């Protein structure tokens, strides 16, 4: 049995598309933060796509407030 070290050079990335959805719903970051009972800074990070870890509770609240699905917000780009 041969031991090999494998690395994933090109594994893609995740894009957050909350800005587009919020713009289509004509809702501000401040209004969404109030609607889902969270801080503006949290929504601002999602809006700008600067999140490091996906909080599924926040994602669920956003989906509920904007009446969308998680795949509308999160996209895998190979």
PDB file of N, CA and C in Angstrom:
ATOM      1  N   UNK A   1       0.850  -1.180   0.000  1.00  0.00           N
ATOM      2  CA  UNK A   1       0.000   0.000   0.000  1.00  0.00           C
ATOM      3  C   UNK A   1       0.893   1.240   0.000  1.00  0.00           C
ATOM      4  N   UNK A   2       0.619   2.147  -0.886  1.00  0.00           N
ATOM      5  CA  UNK A   2       1.442   3.336  -1.059  1.00  0.00           C
ATOM      6  C   UNK A   2       0.787   4.540  -0.405  1.00  0.00           C
ATOM      7  N   UNK A   3       1.541   5.288   0.401  1.00  0.00           N
ATOM      8  CA  UNK A   3       1.022   6.502   1.026  1.00  0.00           C
ATOM      9  C   UNK A   3       1.242   7.681   0.100  1.00  0.00           C
ATOM     10  N   UNK A   4       0.198   8.436  -0.156  1.00  0.00           N
ATOM     11  CA  UNK A   4       0.305   9.623  -1.000  1.00  0.00           C
ATOM     12  C   UNK A   4      -0.353  10.787  -0.295  1.00  0.00           C
ATOM     13  N   UNK A   5       0.203  11.941  -0.539  1.00  0.00           N
ATOM     14  CA  UNK A   5      -0.379  13.159   0.006  1.00  0.00           C
ATOM     15  C   UNK A   5      -1.102  13.868  -1.130  1.00  0.00           C
ATOM     16  N   UNK A   6      -2.378  14.093  -0.957  1.00  0.00           N
ATOM     17  CA  UNK A   6      -3.169  14.761  -1.974  1.00  0.00           C
ATOM     18  C   UNK A   6      -3.507  16.167  -1.507  1.00  0.00           C
ATOM     19  N   UNK A   7      -3.501  17.090  -2.421  1.00  0.00           N
ATOM     20  CA  UNK A   7      -3.937  18.445  -2.088  1.00  0.00           C
ATOM     21  C   UNK A   7      -4.931  18.909  -3.135  1.00  0.00           C
ATOM     22  N   UNK A   8      -5.862  19.713  -2.691  1.00  0.00           N
ATOM     23  CA  UNK A   8      -6.863  20.269  -3.585  1.00  0.00           C
ATOM     24  C   UNK A   8      -6.424  21.663  -3.986  1.00  0.00           C
ATOM     25  N   UNK A   9      -5.885  21.786  -5.161  1.00  0.00           N
ATOM     26  CA  UNK A   9      -5.376  23.079  -5.611  1.00  0.00           C
ATOM     27  C   UNK A   9      -6.515  24.020  -5.979  1.00  0.00           C
ATOM     28  N   UNK A  10      -7.490  23.508  -6.681  1.00  0.00           N
ATOM     29  CA  UNK A  10      -8.596  24.353  -7.119  1.00  0.00           C
ATOM     30  C   UNK A  10      -9.907  23.715  -6.658  1.00  0.00           C
ATOM     31  N   UNK A  11     -10.360  24.121  -5.505  1.00  0.00           N
ATOM     32  CA  UNK A  11     -11.578  23.539  -4.948  1.00  0.00           C
ATOM     33  C   UNK A  11     -12.764  24.484  -5.011  1.00  0.00           C
ATOM     34  N   UNK A  12     -12.574  25.678  -5.535  1.00  0.00           N
ATOM     35  CA  UNK A  12     -13.672  26.627  -5.669  1.00  0.00           C
ATOM     36  C   UNK A  12     -13.847  27.478  -4.432  1.00  0.00           C
ATOM     37  N   UNK A  13     -14.958  28.204  -4.416  1.00  0.00           N
ATOM     38  CA  UNK A  13     -15.257  29.061  -3.265  1.00  0.00           C
ATOM     39  C   UNK A  13     -16.761  29.284  -3.151  1.00  0.00           C
ATOM     40  N   UNK A  14     -17.168  29.859  -2.045  1.00  0.00           N
ATOM     41  CA  UNK A  14     -18.567  30.152  -1.770  1.00  0.00           C
ATOM     42  C   UNK A  14     -18.800  31.647  -1.946  1.00  0.00           C
ATOM     43  N   UNK A  15     -19.854  32.004  -2.645  1.00  0.00           N
ATOM     44  CA  UNK A  15     -20.244  33.406  -2.788  1.00  0.00           C
ATOM     45  C   UNK A  15     -21.535  33.654  -2.023  1.00  0.00           C
ATOM     46  N   UNK A  16     -21.597  34.788  -1.360  1.00  0.00           N
ATOM     47  CA  UNK A  16     -22.801  35.208  -0.645  1.00  0.00           C
ATOM     48  C   UNK A  16     -23.481  36.267  -1.505  1.00  0.00           C
ATOM     49  N   UNK A  17     -24.732  36.030  -1.851  1.00  0.00           N
ATOM     50  CA  UNK A  17     -25.452  36.925  -2.750  1.00  0.00           C
ATOM     51  C   UNK A  17     -26.618  37.627  -2.067  1.00  0.00           C
ATOM     52  N   UNK A  18     -26.414  37.979  -0.817  1.00  0.00           N
ATOM     53  CA  UNK A  18     -27.487  38.634  -0.068  1.00  0.00           C
ATOM     54  C   UNK A  18     -27.790  40.026  -0.612  1.00  0.00           C
ATOM     55  N   UNK A  19     -26.771  40.744  -1.035  1.00  0.00           N
ATOM     56  CA  UNK A  19     -26.961  42.105  -1.539  1.00  0.00           C
ATOM     57  C   UNK A  19     -27.977  42.131  -2.682  1.00  0.00           C
ATOM     58  N   UNK A  20     -27.835  41.217  -3.621  1.00  0.00           N
ATOM     59  CA  UNK A  20     -28.736  41.167  -4.772  1.00  0.00           C
ATOM     60  C   UNK A  20     -30.188  40.909  -4.352  1.00  0.00           C
ATOM     61  N   UNK A  21     -30.358  40.006  -3.399  1.00  0.00           N
ATOM     62  CA  UNK A  21     -31.711  39.676  -2.936  1.00  0.00           C
ATOM     63  C   UNK A  21     -32.313  40.851  -2.175  1.00  0.00           C
ATOM     64  N   UNK A  22     -31.515  41.475  -1.324  1.00  0.00           N
ATOM     65  CA  UNK A  22     -32.012  42.632  -0.566  1.00  0.00           C
ATOM     66  C   UNK A  22     -32.371  43.780  -1.505  1.00  0.00           C
ATOM     67  N   UNK A  23     -31.540  43.994  -2.514  1.00  0.00           N
ATOM     68  CA  UNK A  23     -31.830  45.055  -3.482  1.00  0.00           C
ATOM     69  C   UNK A  23     -33.137  44.771  -4.231  1.00  0.00           C
ATOM     70  N   UNK A  24     -33.370  43.527  -4.591  1.00  0.00           N
ATOM     71  CA  UNK A  24     -34.608  43.187  -5.300  1.00  0.00           C
ATOM     72  C   UNK A  24     -35.839  43.327  -4.402  1.00  0.00           C
ATOM     73  N   UNK A  25     -35.664  43.145  -3.086  1.00  0.00           N
ATOM     74  CA  UNK A  25     -36.757  43.321  -2.132  1.00  0.00           C
ATOM     75  C   UNK A  25     -36.855  44.761  -1.622  1.00  0.00           C
ATOM     76  N   UNK A  26     -35.883  45.569  -2.034  1.00  0.00           N
ATOM     77  CA  UNK A  26     -35.823  46.974  -1.609  1.00  0.00           C
ATOM     78  C   UNK A  26     -35.868  47.108  -0.085  1.00  0.00           C
ATOM     79  N   UNK A  27     -34.991  46.338   0.568  1.00  0.00           N
ATOM     80  CA  UNK A  27     -34.895  46.380   2.025  1.00  0.00           C
ATOM     81  C   UNK A  27     -33.468  46.774   2.405  1.00  0.00           C
ATOM     82  N   UNK A  28     -33.343  47.626   3.379  1.00  0.00           N
ATOM     83  CA  UNK A  28     -32.025  48.082   3.821  1.00  0.00           C
ATOM     84  C   UNK A  28     -31.415  47.094   4.806  1.00  0.00           C
ATOM     85  N   UNK A  29     -30.121  47.216   5.014  1.00  0.00           N
ATOM     86  CA  UNK A  29     -29.443  46.363   5.992  1.00  0.00           C
ATOM     87  C   UNK A  29     -29.998  46.611   7.388  1.00  0.00           C
ATOM     88  N   UNK A  30     -30.269  47.865   7.685  1.00  0.00           N
ATOM     89  CA  UNK A  30     -30.803  48.208   9.008  1.00  0.00           C
ATOM     90  C   UNK A  30     -32.192  47.592   9.204  1.00  0.00           C
ATOM     91  N   UNK A  31     -33.036  47.685   8.192  1.00  0.00           N
ATOM     92  CA  UNK A  31     -34.394  47.123   8.284  1.00  0.00           C
ATOM     93  C   UNK A  31     -34.348  45.607   8.429  1.00  0.00           C
ATOM     94  N   UNK A  32     -33.448  44.948   7.683  1.00  0.00           N
ATOM     95  CA  UNK A  32     -33.342  43.489   7.792  1.00  0.00           C
ATOM     96  C   UNK A  32     -32.813  43.094   9.170  1.00  0.00           C
ATOM     97  N   UNK A  33     -31.849  43.825   9.665  1.00  0.00           N
ATOM     98  CA  UNK A  33     -31.306  43.527  11.004  1.00  0.00           C
ATOM     99  C   UNK A  33     -32.410  43.626  12.059  1.00  0.00           C
ATOM    100  N   UNK A  34     -33.225  44.656  11.971  1.00  0.00           N
ATOM    101  CA  UNK A  34     -34.339  44.798  12.926  1.00  0.00           C
ATOM    102  C   UNK A  34     -35.362  43.676  12.739  1.00  0.00           C
ATOM    103  N   UNK A  35     -35.649  43.318  11.483  1.00  0.00           N
ATOM    104  CA  UNK A  35     -36.659  42.294  11.198  1.00  0.00           C
ATOM    105  C   UNK A  35     -36.266  40.922  11.742  1.00  0.00           C
ATOM    106  N   UNK A  36     -34.973  40.618  11.748  1.00  0.00           N
ATOM    107  CA  UNK A  36     -34.547  39.298  12.217  1.00  0.00           C
ATOM    108  C   UNK A  36     -33.907  39.344  13.598  1.00  0.00           C
ATOM    109  N   UNK A  37     -34.001  40.491  14.242  1.00  0.00           N
ATOM    110  CA  UNK A  37     -33.528  40.658  15.617  1.00  0.00           C
ATOM    111  C   UNK A  37     -32.044  40.319  15.768  1.00  0.00           C
ATOM    112  N   UNK A  38     -31.238  40.991  14.956  1.00  0.00           N
ATOM    113  CA  UNK A  38     -29.790  40.843  15.072  1.00  0.00           C
ATOM    114  C   UNK A  38     -29.136  42.201  14.896  1.00  0.00           C
ATOM    115  N   UNK A  39     -27.831  42.256  15.090  1.00  0.00           N
ATOM    116  CA  UNK A  39     -27.110  43.523  14.977  1.00  0.00           C
ATOM    117  C   UNK A  39     -26.876  43.893  13.510  1.00  0.00           C
ATOM    118  N   UNK A  40     -26.774  45.185  13.246  1.00  0.00           N
ATOM    119  CA  UNK A  40     -26.494  45.694  11.902  1.00  0.00           C
ATOM    120  C   UNK A  40     -25.186  45.107  11.379  1.00  0.00           C
ATOM    121  N   UNK A  41     -24.175  45.002  12.240  1.00  0.00           N
ATOM    122  CA  UNK A  41     -22.859  44.516  11.822  1.00  0.00           C
ATOM    123  C   UNK A  41     -22.916  43.100  11.253  1.00  0.00           C
ATOM    124  N   UNK A  42     -23.806  42.283  11.794  1.00  0.00           N
ATOM    125  CA  UNK A  42     -23.961  40.914  11.303  1.00  0.00           C
ATOM    126  C   UNK A  42     -24.492  40.940   9.870  1.00  0.00           C
ATOM    127  N   UNK A  43     -25.548  41.704   9.651  1.00  0.00           N
ATOM    128  CA  UNK A  43     -26.132  41.795   8.311  1.00  0.00           C
ATOM    129  C   UNK A  43     -25.163  42.472   7.349  1.00  0.00           C
ATOM    130  N   UNK A  44     -24.428  43.452   7.824  1.00  0.00           N
ATOM    131  CA  UNK A  44     -23.462  44.147   6.978  1.00  0.00           C
ATOM    132  C   UNK A  44     -22.398  43.176   6.450  1.00  0.00           C
ATOM    133  N   UNK A  45     -21.934  42.263   7.295  1.00  0.00           N
ATOM    134  CA  UNK A  45     -20.951  41.263   6.855  1.00  0.00           C
ATOM    135  C   UNK A  45     -21.544  40.342   5.794  1.00  0.00           C
ATOM    136  N   UNK A  46     -22.776  39.900   6.011  1.00  0.00           N
ATOM    137  CA  UNK A  46     -23.447  39.058   5.018  1.00  0.00           C
ATOM    138  C   UNK A  46     -23.655  39.839   3.724  1.00  0.00           C
ATOM    139  N   UNK A  47     -24.076  41.075   3.840  1.00  0.00           N
ATOM    140  CA  UNK A  47     -24.351  41.936   2.689  1.00  0.00           C
ATOM    141  C   UNK A  47     -23.092  42.115   1.834  1.00  0.00           C
ATOM    142  N   UNK A  48     -21.959  42.298   2.503  1.00  0.00           N
ATOM    143  CA  UNK A  48     -20.697  42.510   1.787  1.00  0.00           C
ATOM    144  C   UNK A  48     -19.994  41.197   1.430  1.00  0.00           C
ATOM    145  N   UNK A  49     -20.548  40.074   1.876  1.00  0.00           N
ATOM    146  CA  UNK A  49     -19.949  38.779   1.589  1.00  0.00           C
ATOM    147  C   UNK A  49     -18.681  38.522   2.379  1.00  0.00           C
ATOM    148  N   UNK A  50     -18.558  39.146   3.552  1.00  0.00           N
ATOM    149  CA  UNK A  50     -17.346  39.039   4.363  1.00  0.00           C
ATOM    150  C   UNK A  50     -17.520  38.123   5.567  1.00  0.00           C
ATOM    151  N   UNK A  51     -18.288  37.066   5.431  1.00  0.00           N
ATOM    152  CA  UNK A  51     -18.449  36.161   6.568  1.00  0.00           C
ATOM    153  C   UNK A  51     -17.415  35.046   6.484  1.00  0.00           C
ATOM    154  N   UNK A  52     -16.943  34.616   7.639  1.00  0.00           N
ATOM    155  CA  UNK A  52     -15.956  33.547   7.694  1.00  0.00           C
ATOM    156  C   UNK A  52     -16.614  32.193   7.940  1.00  0.00           C
ATOM    157  N   UNK A  53     -17.655  32.204   8.745  1.00  0.00           N
ATOM    158  CA  UNK A  53     -18.396  30.981   9.037  1.00  0.00           C
ATOM    159  C   UNK A  53     -19.879  31.264   8.879  1.00  0.00           C
ATOM    160  N   UNK A  54     -20.586  30.305   8.344  1.00  0.00           N
ATOM    161  CA  UNK A  54     -22.016  30.478   8.107  1.00  0.00           C
ATOM    162  C   UNK A  54     -22.786  30.079   9.358  1.00  0.00           C
ATOM    163  N   UNK A  55     -23.494  31.032   9.921  1.00  0.00           N
ATOM    164  CA  UNK A  55     -24.361  30.792  11.071  1.00  0.00           C
ATOM    165  C   UNK A  55     -25.724  30.383  10.505  1.00  0.00           C
ATOM    166  N   UNK A  56     -26.077  29.112  10.676  1.00  0.00           N
ATOM    167  CA  UNK A  56     -27.309  28.608  10.078  1.00  0.00           C
ATOM    168  C   UNK A  56     -28.555  29.242  10.679  1.00  0.00           C
ATOM    169  N   UNK A  57     -28.482  29.678  11.939  1.00  0.00           N
ATOM    170  CA  UNK A  57     -29.622  30.359  12.556  1.00  0.00           C
ATOM    171  C   UNK A  57     -29.861  31.705  11.871  1.00  0.00           C
ATOM    172  N   UNK A  58     -28.804  32.464  11.645  1.00  0.00           N
ATOM    173  CA  UNK A  58     -28.928  33.740  10.942  1.00  0.00           C
ATOM    174  C   UNK A  58     -29.425  33.503   9.519  1.00  0.00           C
ATOM    175  N   UNK A  59     -28.877  32.500   8.859  1.00  0.00           N
ATOM    176  CA  UNK A  59     -29.307  32.175   7.498  1.00  0.00           C
ATOM    177  C   UNK A  59     -30.796  31.843   7.455  1.00  0.00           C
ATOM    178  N   UNK A  60     -31.264  31.064   8.412  1.00  0.00           N
ATOM    179  CA  UNK A  60     -32.689  30.713   8.468  1.00  0.00           C
ATOM    180  C   UNK A  60     -33.560  31.949   8.680  1.00  0.00           C
ATOM    181  N   UNK A  61     -33.116  32.845   9.556  1.00  0.00           N
ATOM    182  CA  UNK A  61     -33.882  34.072   9.799  1.00  0.00           C
ATOM    183  C   UNK A  61     -33.930  34.954   8.556  1.00  0.00           C
ATOM    184  N   UNK A  62     -32.796  35.059   7.869  1.00  0.00           N
ATOM    185  CA  UNK A  62     -32.757  35.861   6.639  1.00  0.00           C
ATOM    186  C   UNK A  62     -33.706  35.274   5.609  1.00  0.00           C
ATOM    187  N   UNK A  63     -33.654  33.961   5.436  1.00  0.00           N
ATOM    188  CA  UNK A  63     -34.536  33.291   4.466  1.00  0.00           C
ATOM    189  C   UNK A  63     -36.004  33.509   4.819  1.00  0.00           C
ATOM    190  N   UNK A  64     -36.325  33.428   6.099  1.00  0.00           N
ATOM    191  CA  UNK A  64     -37.702  33.644   6.535  1.00  0.00           C
ATOM    192  C   UNK A  64     -38.144  35.073   6.223  1.00  0.00           C
ATOM    193  N   UNK A  65     -37.308  36.043   6.561  1.00  0.00           N
ATOM    194  CA  UNK A  65     -37.669  37.448   6.362  1.00  0.00           C
ATOM    195  C   UNK A  65     -37.778  37.824   4.884  1.00  0.00           C
ATOM    196  N   UNK A  66     -36.901  37.261   4.059  1.00  0.00           N
ATOM    197  CA  UNK A  66     -36.895  37.609   2.637  1.00  0.00           C
ATOM    198  C   UNK A  66     -37.669  36.622   1.780  1.00  0.00           C
ATOM    199  N   UNK A  67     -38.235  35.611   2.410  1.00  0.00           N
ATOM    200  CA  UNK A  67     -39.013  34.577   1.728  1.00  0.00           C
ATOM    201  C   UNK A  67     -38.224  33.979   0.558  1.00  0.00           C
ATOM    202  N   UNK A  68     -37.035  33.468   0.906  1.00  0.00           N
ATOM    203  CA  UNK A  68     -36.190  32.855  -0.105  1.00  0.00           C
ATOM    204  C   UNK A  68     -35.611  31.561   0.449  1.00  0.00           C
ATOM    205  N   UNK A  69     -34.818  30.884  -0.336  1.00  0.00           N
ATOM    206  CA  UNK A  69     -34.172  29.635   0.047  1.00  0.00           C
ATOM    207  C   UNK A  69     -32.678  29.882   0.269  1.00  0.00           C
ATOM    208  N   UNK A  70     -32.013  29.048   1.072  1.00  0.00           N
ATOM    209  CA  UNK A  70     -30.576  29.225   1.298  1.00  0.00           C
ATOM    210  C   UNK A  70     -29.762  29.258   0.001  1.00  0.00           C
ATOM    211  N   UNK A  71     -30.148  28.444  -0.981  1.00  0.00           N
ATOM    212  CA  UNK A  71     -29.404  28.413  -2.237  1.00  0.00           C
ATOM    213  C   UNK A  71     -29.557  29.709  -3.040  1.00  0.00           C
ATOM    214  N   UNK A  72     -30.523  30.535  -2.677  1.00  0.00           N
ATOM    215  CA  UNK A  72     -30.642  31.855  -3.295  1.00  0.00           C
ATOM    216  C   UNK A  72     -29.559  32.803  -2.768  1.00  0.00           C
ATOM    217  N   UNK A  73     -29.074  32.545  -1.572  1.00  0.00           N
ATOM    218  CA  UNK A  73     -28.106  33.406  -0.903  1.00  0.00           C
ATOM    219  C   UNK A  73     -26.681  32.877  -1.023  1.00  0.00           C
ATOM    220  N   UNK A  74     -26.527  31.571  -0.914  1.00  0.00           N
ATOM    221  CA  UNK A  74     -25.210  30.936  -0.917  1.00  0.00           C
ATOM    222  C   UNK A  74     -25.025  30.180  -2.220  1.00  0.00           C
ATOM    223  N   UNK A  75     -23.888  30.443  -2.875  1.00  0.00           N
ATOM    224  CA  UNK A  75     -23.624  29.785  -4.153  1.00  0.00           C
ATOM    225  C   UNK A  75     -22.200  29.252  -4.165  1.00  0.00           C
ATOM    226  N   UNK A  76     -22.057  28.000  -4.585  1.00  0.00           N
ATOM    227  CA  UNK A  76     -20.741  27.393  -4.743  1.00  0.00           C
ATOM    228  C   UNK A  76     -20.242  27.672  -6.158  1.00  0.00           C
ATOM    229  N   UNK A  77     -19.020  28.202  -6.252  1.00  0.00           N
ATOM    230  CA  UNK A  77     -18.408  28.480  -7.542  1.00  0.00           C
ATOM    231  C   UNK A  77     -17.186  27.565  -7.672  1.00  0.00           C
ATOM    232  N   UNK A  78     -17.251  26.613  -8.617  1.00  0.00           N
ATOM    233  CA  UNK A  78     -16.105  25.687  -8.783  1.00  0.00           C
ATOM    234  C   UNK A  78     -14.821  26.417  -9.182  1.00  0.00           C
TER     235      UNK A  78
END
